[in-house]
Amino acid sequence: MRYHIWTIGCQMNEADSRRLAAALEQLGYEPAARAEDADVIVLNTCVVRQQAEDKVYGRLSSLRPLKARRPDTVIGLMGCLVGRRNSEHLRERFPWVDVFAPPSDPTPLLDHLAERGLAEMGRALRAEDAARRIPGPFLLSCQAQGSQVTAYVPAVLGCSHACTYCIIPYRRGPERSRPADETLAEARALVAQGVKEITLLGQIVDRYGYDLPRQENRTPLVGLLEQLHEIEGLERIRFLTSHPSWMTDELLEAAARLPKVCEHLEVPVQAGDDEILARMRRGYTADDYRRLIARARAIVPGVSIATDIIVGFPGETEAQFQRTYDLLTELRLDKAHIARYSPRPQTLAARRYPDDVPPEEKERRRKVLDELQARIAGEINARLVGQTVEVLVEGKKKNRWWGRTRTDKLVFFEDARDLLGQQVPVRITWAGPWSLIGETGSR
């Protein structure tokens, strides 16, 4: 019995797929590289933008003839396309799909397999392997054990902030923090299986724990980071995504004083114009964001900062776009993920504001910012040429190892030794806007 998981979207989806894979393997299933070779096929979906949703529909359509040829194949749809509410409209549109599972909850799929007796069949096929498996609910897949160096661990599920353009609260539900004991147990289990770096996830990860019982008047995420820091064998800690209104100085100070916490922040600004930010319901101004970046750089030495920007939000004028361009020019951040506004059903922006920026103008603005950010990132990275940086080696492509610095710079280098999972000093010899090349002095 074999399974295949196709994943699109954010890091939370990647974490959900990893946990689903482990659950299926506990039932005795083995991974298949192609959907055509699998007995169970799962699509873990994203609908943050129309382009991602269209890819899901295309993938679903491609599975229809496969289901017709092999009706016993189980096809599951999971993630934000399903959401946490009624999926009857999807059942009517895609009758060849057997089971629909909400984000971060594979239970409907696992129950469906049990009802059909497929779980028991899988257990029987792999019962002899059970003793060799690491017990517990937080396993890596067999393929990943011993080779996966970094892992995402959800800390906050859902979101209650309700930015006017964002569909996440409607599909992943309200904000819910996982209990610290559960989050730490998952991190410890992953480290026991060879993971060296953990990234805590949340739509607004800084709000971790505000909905849980609290003993102290402090930023709850700081306490979780401190407990993670004590895990033996864990070498690096990251957290994302942050929100400008919730990134406290206490959190920045923890990032500076805890050696395992990397000097890298992901803090979306989304726009550089105050009127656009207000219509987005972001809760801060461009000057608020400027002050946050200044504090982050003052408190966390050498910090790198990434941001997200949406261009072509309803009503965005050329002058308002220029303010975003000017803000990006001024702040000189390390990374900027630029996206065209895509109206999402149910959101306030889709209901209240006409999508009045033409698609070709959205694309032009995206390209302008992409070109600006490529220039800024290239200049920032060029300063690393000749310097030696610490790289956590995550894998090998062709004859080159690759990994990331503490500041999230992607580095490639050649070395004949087996360096997977090791932190290696690498001297940078070439720098581009998106990656670096270096050497270790050993061939």
Protein backbone atom coordinates (compact mmCIF):
# COMPACT_ATOMS: atom_id res chain seq x y z
CA MET A 1 0.00 0.00 0.00
CA ARG A 2 1.44 3.37 -1.06
CA TYR A 3 0.59 7.04 -0.60
CA HIS A 4 1.35 10.25 -2.48
CA ILE A 5 0.95 13.77 -1.04
CA TRP A 6 0.96 16.84 -3.29
CA THR A 7 1.47 20.08 -1.37
CA ILE A 8 1.11 23.69 -2.42
CA GLY A 9 1.20 26.86 -0.34
CA CYS A 10 2.70 27.99 2.93
CA GLN A 11 5.01 26.46 5.51
CA MET A 12 1.97 25.45 7.58
CA ASN A 13 0.85 23.23 4.71
CA GLU A 14 4.32 21.70 4.57
CA ALA A 15 4.11 20.93 8.29
CA ASP A 16 0.63 19.45 7.87
CA SER A 17 1.81 17.23 5.00
CA ARG A 18 4.79 16.03 6.99
CA ARG A 19 2.57 14.99 9.87
CA LEU A 20 0.07 13.32 7.51
CA ALA A 21 2.88 11.34 5.87
CA ALA A 22 4.03 10.10 9.27
CA ALA A 23 0.46 9.12 10.22
CA LEU A 24 0.03 7.16 6.98
CA GLU A 25 3.33 5.38 7.52
CA GLN A 26 2.25 4.41 11.03
CA LEU A 27 -0.66 2.67 9.29
CA GLY A 28 1.81 0.81 7.11
CA TYR A 29 1.79 2.88 3.92
CA GLU A 30 4.94 3.62 1.94
CA PRO A 31 5.60 6.80 -0.07
CA ALA A 32 5.19 6.89 -3.85
CA ALA A 33 6.91 9.53 -5.95
CA ARG A 34 4.06 9.64 -8.48
CA ALA A 35 0.33 9.82 -7.91
CA GLU A 36 -0.14 7.15 -10.57
CA ASP A 37 1.69 4.64 -8.37
CA ALA A 38 -0.23 5.37 -5.15
CA ASP A 39 -3.23 3.74 -3.48
CA VAL A 40 -3.94 6.93 -1.51
CA ILE A 41 -3.51 10.37 -3.10
CA VAL A 42 -3.83 13.56 -1.05
CA LEU A 43 -3.80 17.13 -2.34
CA ASN A 44 -2.92 19.63 0.42
CA THR A 45 -4.26 22.88 -0.95
CA CYS A 46 -3.83 26.65 -0.83
CA VAL A 47 -6.28 29.40 -1.81
CA VAL A 48 -4.43 32.51 -0.62
CA ARG A 49 -4.23 33.63 -4.26
CA GLN A 50 -6.23 32.69 -7.33
CA GLN A 51 -3.14 31.30 -9.05
CA ALA A 52 -2.64 28.71 -6.30
CA GLU A 53 -6.32 27.79 -6.35
CA ASP A 54 -6.23 27.33 -10.12
CA LYS A 55 -3.28 24.94 -9.77
CA VAL A 56 -5.32 22.84 -7.36
CA TYR A 57 -8.24 22.67 -9.78
CA GLY A 58 -5.89 21.61 -12.55
CA ARG A 59 -4.41 18.88 -10.39
CA LEU A 60 -7.86 17.68 -9.36
CA SER A 61 -8.96 17.45 -12.99
CA SER A 62 -5.89 15.41 -13.87
CA LEU A 63 -6.86 12.82 -11.24
CA ARG A 64 -10.34 12.21 -12.63
CA PRO A 65 -9.28 9.75 -15.37
CA LEU A 66 -7.01 7.97 -12.89
CA LYS A 67 -9.95 7.47 -10.55
CA ALA A 68 -12.03 6.17 -13.47
CA ARG A 69 -9.36 3.59 -14.30
CA ARG A 70 -8.72 2.63 -10.69
CA PRO A 71 -11.88 3.29 -8.64
CA ASP A 72 -10.36 1.75 -5.50
CA THR A 73 -7.77 4.54 -5.34
CA VAL A 74 -8.54 6.87 -2.44
CA ILE A 75 -8.34 10.56 -3.34
CA GLY A 76 -8.30 13.06 -0.50
CA LEU A 77 -8.55 16.85 -0.58
CA MET A 78 -7.09 18.68 2.39
CA GLY A 79 -6.22 22.23 3.42
CA CYS A 80 -7.53 25.70 2.80
CA LEU A 81 -9.62 24.84 -0.27
CA VAL A 82 -11.70 22.65 2.03
CA GLY A 83 -11.64 25.00 5.00
CA ARG A 84 -13.23 24.29 8.35
CA ARG A 85 -16.87 24.61 7.30
CA ASN A 86 -19.28 22.82 4.99
CA SER A 87 -17.54 21.29 1.95
CA GLU A 88 -20.73 20.10 0.22
CA HIS A 89 -20.15 22.37 -2.79
CA LEU A 90 -16.77 20.68 -3.32
CA ARG A 91 -18.36 17.22 -3.12
CA GLU A 92 -20.78 18.20 -5.85
CA ARG A 93 -18.08 19.71 -8.05
CA PHE A 94 -15.51 16.92 -7.58
CA PRO A 95 -17.44 13.66 -7.10
CA TRP A 96 -14.31 11.60 -7.73
CA VAL A 97 -12.80 12.87 -4.46
CA ASP A 98 -13.44 10.41 -1.62
CA VAL A 99 -12.69 12.48 1.46
CA PHE A 100 -12.37 16.14 2.41
CA ALA A 101 -10.18 17.19 5.37
CA PRO A 102 -9.82 20.67 6.88
CA PRO A 103 -6.44 22.34 7.40
CA SER A 104 -4.16 20.70 9.97
CA ASP A 105 -6.63 17.86 10.57
CA PRO A 106 -6.07 14.56 8.71
CA THR A 107 -8.66 12.77 10.89
CA PRO A 108 -11.34 12.49 8.16
CA LEU A 109 -8.86 10.80 5.82
CA LEU A 110 -7.55 8.41 8.49
CA ASP A 111 -11.11 7.57 9.56
CA HIS A 112 -12.06 6.93 5.92
CA LEU A 113 -9.15 4.50 5.52
CA ALA A 114 -10.14 2.72 8.71
CA GLU A 115 -13.76 2.42 7.59
CA ARG A 116 -12.68 0.83 4.31
CA GLY A 117 -10.32 -1.54 6.10
CA LEU A 118 -7.31 -0.05 4.37
CA ALA A 119 -5.66 0.97 7.62
CA GLU A 120 -5.76 -2.60 8.88
CA MET A 121 -4.37 -3.88 5.58
CA GLY A 122 -1.51 -1.43 5.83
CA ARG A 123 -0.73 -2.42 9.39
CA ALA A 124 -0.61 -6.07 8.41
CA LEU A 125 1.75 -5.35 5.53
CA ARG A 126 4.20 -3.44 7.73
CA ALA A 127 3.71 -4.98 11.18
CA GLU A 128 7.24 -6.38 11.11
CA ASP A 129 8.62 -2.83 10.92
CA ALA A 130 6.74 -1.49 13.94
CA ALA A 131 9.48 -2.24 16.44
CA ARG A 132 11.97 -0.21 14.44
CA ARG A 133 9.85 2.96 14.44
CA ILE A 134 10.27 5.84 16.84
CA PRO A 135 7.09 5.85 18.95
CA GLY A 136 4.87 8.90 19.33
CA PRO A 137 2.64 11.13 17.23
CA PHE A 138 5.35 13.42 15.82
CA LEU A 139 7.26 11.22 13.41
CA LEU A 140 9.11 12.11 10.27
CA SER A 141 8.39 9.95 7.25
CA CYS A 142 10.79 7.07 6.66
CA GLN A 143 12.35 8.97 3.77
CA ALA A 144 12.99 12.02 5.96
CA GLN A 145 14.38 10.28 9.05
CA GLY A 146 18.10 10.85 9.18
CA SER A 147 18.06 13.22 6.21
CA GLN A 148 15.75 16.07 7.21
CA VAL A 149 17.72 18.82 8.90
CA THR A 150 15.06 21.50 9.35
CA ALA A 151 11.38 21.23 10.26
CA TYR A 152 8.35 23.45 10.75
CA VAL A 153 6.40 23.18 14.00
CA PRO A 154 2.99 24.89 14.17
CA ALA A 155 2.59 27.00 17.30
CA VAL A 156 -0.49 29.04 16.38
CA LEU A 157 -3.30 27.63 14.23
CA GLY A 158 -5.75 29.89 12.42
CA CYS A 159 -5.97 33.66 12.71
CA SER A 160 -8.42 36.18 14.16
CA HIS A 161 -6.84 39.38 12.86
CA ALA A 162 -8.95 39.47 9.67
CA CYS A 163 -6.97 41.70 7.33
CA THR A 164 -9.48 42.72 4.68
CA TYR A 165 -7.69 40.87 1.84
CA CYS A 166 -6.95 37.62 3.70
CA ILE A 167 -8.96 34.41 3.42
CA ILE A 168 -7.04 32.51 6.11
CA PRO A 169 -9.46 33.25 9.01
CA TYR A 170 -12.32 31.93 6.89
CA ARG A 171 -10.50 28.73 5.94
CA ARG A 172 -8.27 27.93 8.94
CA GLY A 173 -10.59 29.29 11.59
CA PRO A 174 -9.91 31.56 14.57
CA GLU A 175 -6.57 31.83 16.28
CA ARG A 176 -5.70 28.87 18.51
CA SER A 177 -2.36 28.42 20.29
CA ARG A 178 -1.13 24.88 20.79
CA PRO A 179 -0.28 24.04 24.42
CA ALA A 180 3.41 24.52 25.11
CA ASP A 181 3.84 20.91 26.24
CA GLU A 182 2.49 19.62 22.93
CA THR A 183 4.62 21.98 20.85
CA LEU A 184 7.75 21.13 22.83
CA ALA A 185 7.03 17.39 22.59
CA GLU A 186 6.89 17.66 18.82
CA ALA A 187 10.15 19.61 18.73
CA ARG A 188 11.90 17.05 20.96
CA ALA A 189 10.65 14.16 18.81
CA LEU A 190 11.91 15.85 15.64
CA VAL A 191 15.31 16.54 17.17
CA ALA A 192 15.52 12.89 18.25
CA GLN A 193 15.09 11.98 14.57
CA GLY A 194 17.95 14.19 13.39
CA VAL A 195 16.38 17.63 12.96
CA LYS A 196 18.78 20.44 13.88
CA GLU A 197 16.63 23.52 13.20
CA ILE A 198 13.02 24.20 14.24
CA THR A 199 10.86 27.00 12.84
CA LEU A 200 7.80 27.89 14.90
CA LEU A 201 4.83 28.77 12.71
CA GLY A 202 1.78 30.96 13.03
CA GLN A 203 -0.15 33.40 10.89
CA ILE A 204 0.82 35.85 13.64
CA VAL A 205 3.34 33.80 15.56
CA ASP A 206 4.03 36.71 17.95
CA ARG A 207 0.51 36.21 19.36
CA TYR A 208 1.38 32.73 20.57
CA GLY A 209 -0.12 32.01 23.98
CA TYR A 210 -2.31 35.08 24.38
CA ASP A 211 -5.33 32.75 24.31
CA LEU A 212 -3.82 30.32 26.86
CA PRO A 213 -3.76 30.61 30.67
CA ARG A 214 -0.88 32.91 31.61
CA GLN A 215 1.18 33.03 34.79
CA GLU A 216 3.28 36.08 34.03
CA ASN A 217 2.85 39.47 32.43
CA ARG A 218 5.24 38.80 29.58
CA THR A 219 5.26 37.94 25.90
CA PRO A 220 4.22 34.24 25.87
CA LEU A 221 6.31 33.42 22.79
CA VAL A 222 9.43 34.39 24.75
CA GLY A 223 8.74 31.64 27.27
CA LEU A 224 8.27 29.09 24.51
CA LEU A 225 11.52 30.13 22.85
CA GLU A 226 13.34 29.79 26.17
CA GLN A 227 12.02 26.26 26.64
CA LEU A 228 12.88 25.30 23.07
CA HIS A 229 16.37 26.65 23.68
CA GLU A 230 16.90 24.02 26.39
CA ILE A 231 16.36 21.06 24.05
CA GLU A 232 19.64 19.19 23.72
CA GLY A 233 20.63 18.62 20.11
CA LEU A 234 18.56 21.51 18.76
CA GLU A 235 20.98 23.96 17.18
CA ARG A 236 18.85 26.67 15.59
CA ILE A 237 15.43 28.23 16.21
CA ARG A 238 13.39 30.49 13.93
CA PHE A 239 9.84 31.84 14.13
CA LEU A 240 7.46 33.26 11.53
CA THR A 241 5.38 35.07 10.47
CA SER A 242 5.48 38.16 12.68
CA HIS A 243 3.13 41.15 12.68
CA PRO A 244 4.36 44.71 13.23
CA SER A 245 1.73 45.36 15.91
CA TRP A 246 2.69 42.31 17.98
CA MET A 247 6.48 42.16 17.75
CA THR A 248 7.42 43.40 21.20
CA ASP A 249 10.82 44.65 22.34
CA GLU A 250 10.83 41.75 24.82
CA LEU A 251 10.62 39.35 21.87
CA LEU A 252 13.40 41.17 20.04
CA GLU A 253 15.55 41.08 23.18
CA ALA A 254 14.97 37.32 23.48
CA ALA A 255 16.10 36.89 19.87
CA ALA A 256 19.27 38.79 20.76
CA ARG A 257 20.13 36.94 24.01
CA LEU A 258 19.21 33.34 23.12
CA PRO A 259 22.13 31.94 21.08
CA LYS A 260 20.05 29.34 19.25
CA VAL A 261 17.53 31.89 17.97
CA CYS A 262 18.62 33.04 14.52
CA GLU A 263 19.09 36.69 13.64
CA HIS A 264 16.32 36.72 11.07
CA LEU A 265 12.81 38.16 11.18
CA GLU A 266 9.91 37.95 8.74
CA VAL A 267 7.67 40.98 9.26
CA PRO A 268 5.27 41.79 6.40
CA VAL A 269 4.59 45.48 5.75
CA GLN A 270 2.18 44.83 2.80
CA ALA A 271 2.14 48.51 1.70
CA GLY A 272 3.95 51.78 2.30
CA ASP A 273 0.91 54.04 2.14
CA ASP A 274 -1.16 54.72 5.26
CA GLU A 275 -4.51 54.89 3.47
CA ILE A 276 -3.89 51.50 1.83
CA LEU A 277 -2.75 50.04 5.16
CA ALA A 278 -5.95 51.30 6.81
CA ARG A 279 -8.12 49.75 4.07
CA MET A 280 -6.17 46.52 4.51
CA ARG A 281 -6.92 46.78 8.25
CA ARG A 282 -3.31 46.14 9.18
CA GLY A 283 -3.39 48.25 12.35
CA TYR A 284 -0.21 50.31 11.90
CA THR A 285 1.21 53.10 9.77
CA ALA A 286 4.28 53.21 7.56
CA ASP A 287 6.07 55.22 10.25
CA ASP A 288 5.18 52.58 12.84
CA TYR A 289 6.85 50.01 10.58
CA ARG A 290 9.92 52.24 10.16
CA ARG A 291 10.27 52.52 13.92
CA LEU A 292 9.95 48.75 14.34
CA ILE A 293 12.71 48.08 11.82
CA ALA A 294 14.94 50.63 13.56
CA ARG A 295 14.32 48.95 16.95
CA ALA A 296 14.94 45.48 15.52
CA ARG A 297 18.27 46.56 14.06
CA ALA A 298 19.28 48.26 17.29
CA ILE A 299 18.32 45.34 19.56
CA VAL A 300 19.38 42.36 17.39
CA PRO A 301 22.88 42.95 15.98
CA GLY A 302 23.28 41.87 12.37
CA VAL A 303 19.60 40.97 11.98
CA SER A 304 18.26 40.25 8.51
CA ILE A 305 14.66 41.18 7.79
CA ALA A 306 12.23 39.88 5.19
CA THR A 307 8.89 41.41 4.30
CA ASP A 308 5.78 40.80 2.18
CA ILE A 309 4.20 43.39 -0.10
CA ILE A 310 0.91 43.38 -2.02
CA VAL A 311 0.69 45.58 -5.12
CA GLY A 312 -2.50 46.63 -6.87
CA PHE A 313 -4.75 46.60 -3.80
CA PRO A 314 -8.15 48.12 -4.70
CA GLY A 315 -7.89 51.85 -5.19
CA GLU A 316 -4.08 51.92 -5.08
CA THR A 317 -2.98 54.97 -7.05
CA GLU A 318 0.39 55.50 -8.67
CA ALA A 319 1.31 57.90 -5.88
CA GLN A 320 0.40 55.32 -3.22
CA PHE A 321 2.43 52.67 -5.01
CA GLN A 322 5.34 55.11 -5.12
CA ARG A 323 5.22 55.38 -1.32
CA THR A 324 5.67 51.61 -1.11
CA TYR A 325 8.57 51.83 -3.54
CA ASP A 326 10.12 54.63 -1.48
CA LEU A 327 9.71 52.69 1.78
CA LEU A 328 11.42 49.63 0.32
CA THR A 329 14.22 51.84 -1.04
CA GLU A 330 14.67 53.50 2.34
CA LEU A 331 14.61 50.42 4.59
CA ARG A 332 16.81 48.18 2.41
CA LEU A 333 15.46 44.88 3.72
CA ASP A 334 17.12 41.56 2.92
CA LYS A 335 14.12 39.97 1.20
CA ALA A 336 10.76 41.10 -0.10
CA HIS A 337 8.08 38.71 -1.35
CA ILE A 338 6.02 40.71 -3.84
CA ALA A 339 2.51 39.57 -4.81
CA ARG A 340 -0.25 41.01 -6.95
CA TYR A 341 -3.54 41.57 -5.14
CA SER A 342 -5.94 38.71 -5.76
CA PRO A 343 -9.55 39.13 -4.55
CA ARG A 344 -10.59 36.23 -2.34
CA PRO A 345 -14.20 35.21 -1.78
CA GLN A 346 -15.72 36.04 1.61
CA THR A 347 -13.07 38.63 2.43
CA LEU A 348 -14.08 42.19 3.29
CA ALA A 349 -11.95 43.60 0.48
CA ALA A 350 -13.69 41.43 -2.12
CA ARG A 351 -17.11 42.47 -0.81
CA ARG A 352 -16.40 46.16 -0.26
CA TYR A 353 -13.76 47.30 -2.76
CA PRO A 354 -13.85 46.90 -6.56
CA ASP A 355 -10.75 45.23 -7.99
CA ASP A 356 -9.98 48.30 -10.08
CA VAL A 357 -6.24 48.08 -10.75
CA PRO A 358 -5.83 46.42 -14.17
CA PRO A 359 -3.93 43.09 -14.22
CA GLU A 360 -1.20 44.48 -16.50
CA GLU A 361 -0.65 47.39 -14.09
CA LYS A 362 -0.43 45.02 -11.13
CA GLU A 363 2.20 43.02 -13.00
CA ARG A 364 4.14 46.16 -13.89
CA ARG A 365 4.23 47.26 -10.27
CA ARG A 366 5.27 43.79 -9.15
CA LYS A 367 8.16 43.77 -11.62
CA VAL A 368 9.26 47.26 -10.57
CA LEU A 369 9.48 46.20 -6.92
CA ASP A 370 11.10 42.86 -7.81
CA GLU A 371 13.82 44.69 -9.74
CA LEU A 372 14.34 47.15 -6.90
CA GLN A 373 14.58 44.36 -4.31
CA ALA A 374 16.97 42.35 -6.49
CA ARG A 375 19.26 45.36 -6.62
CA ILE A 376 19.05 45.96 -2.86
CA ALA A 377 19.56 42.27 -1.97
CA GLY A 378 22.48 42.03 -4.41
CA GLU A 379 24.19 45.00 -2.76
CA ILE A 380 23.57 43.62 0.75
CA ASN A 381 24.89 40.17 -0.18
CA ALA A 382 27.91 41.58 -2.02
CA ARG A 383 29.25 42.75 1.34
CA LEU A 384 29.59 39.09 2.37
CA VAL A 385 32.15 38.28 -0.34
CA GLY A 386 35.42 37.41 1.37
CA GLN A 387 33.70 36.79 4.71
CA THR A 388 33.26 33.42 6.40
CA VAL A 389 29.70 32.51 7.40
CA GLU A 390 28.25 29.59 9.31
CA VAL A 391 26.05 27.36 7.12
CA LEU A 392 23.73 24.62 8.38
CA VAL A 393 23.93 22.04 5.58
CA GLU A 394 20.45 20.90 4.52
CA GLY A 395 21.14 18.85 1.40
CA LYS A 396 23.05 18.31 -1.82
CA LYS A 397 22.14 19.24 -5.39
CA LYS A 398 24.29 17.60 -8.04
CA ASN A 399 27.83 18.02 -6.67
CA ARG A 400 27.17 20.99 -4.39
CA TRP A 401 26.05 21.12 -0.80
CA TRP A 402 23.52 23.77 0.13
CA GLY A 403 22.30 25.31 3.34
CA ARG A 404 21.46 28.58 5.02
CA THR A 405 23.20 31.05 7.25
CA ARG A 406 21.69 32.17 10.52
CA THR A 407 20.44 35.23 8.62
CA ASP A 408 18.66 32.97 6.09
CA LYS A 409 21.06 33.43 3.18
CA LEU A 410 21.12 30.46 0.79
CA VAL A 411 24.69 29.20 0.25
CA PHE A 412 26.10 26.62 -2.17
CA PHE A 413 29.56 25.06 -1.92
CA GLU A 414 31.53 21.97 -2.92
CA ASP A 415 33.13 19.59 -0.46
CA ALA A 416 33.86 15.86 -0.70
CA ARG A 417 33.00 15.18 2.94
CA ASP A 418 29.57 14.09 4.19
CA LEU A 419 28.38 17.32 5.81
CA LEU A 420 24.62 16.81 6.00
CA GLY A 421 23.24 18.35 9.18
CA GLN A 422 26.52 19.96 10.17
CA GLN A 423 27.23 23.64 10.74
CA VAL A 424 30.12 24.46 8.46
CA PRO A 425 32.22 27.63 8.10
CA VAL A 426 32.08 28.72 4.45
CA ARG A 427 34.06 31.55 2.88
CA ILE A 428 31.88 33.44 0.40
CA THR A 429 33.42 33.84 -3.06
CA TRP A 430 30.38 35.03 -5.07
CA ALA A 431 27.14 36.77 -4.19
CA GLY A 432 23.90 37.26 -6.09
CA PRO A 433 20.59 38.67 -4.87
CA TRP A 434 19.06 35.27 -4.06
CA SER A 435 22.02 33.00 -3.24
CA LEU A 436 25.72 32.85 -2.40
CA ILE A 437 28.57 30.56 -3.45
CA GLY A 438 31.50 29.75 -1.19
CA GLU A 439 34.28 27.36 -0.33
CA THR A 440 35.34 25.46 2.77
CA GLY A 441 39.03 25.04 2.00
CA SER A 442 38.50 21.28 1.88
CA ARG A 443 37.85 19.31 -1.32
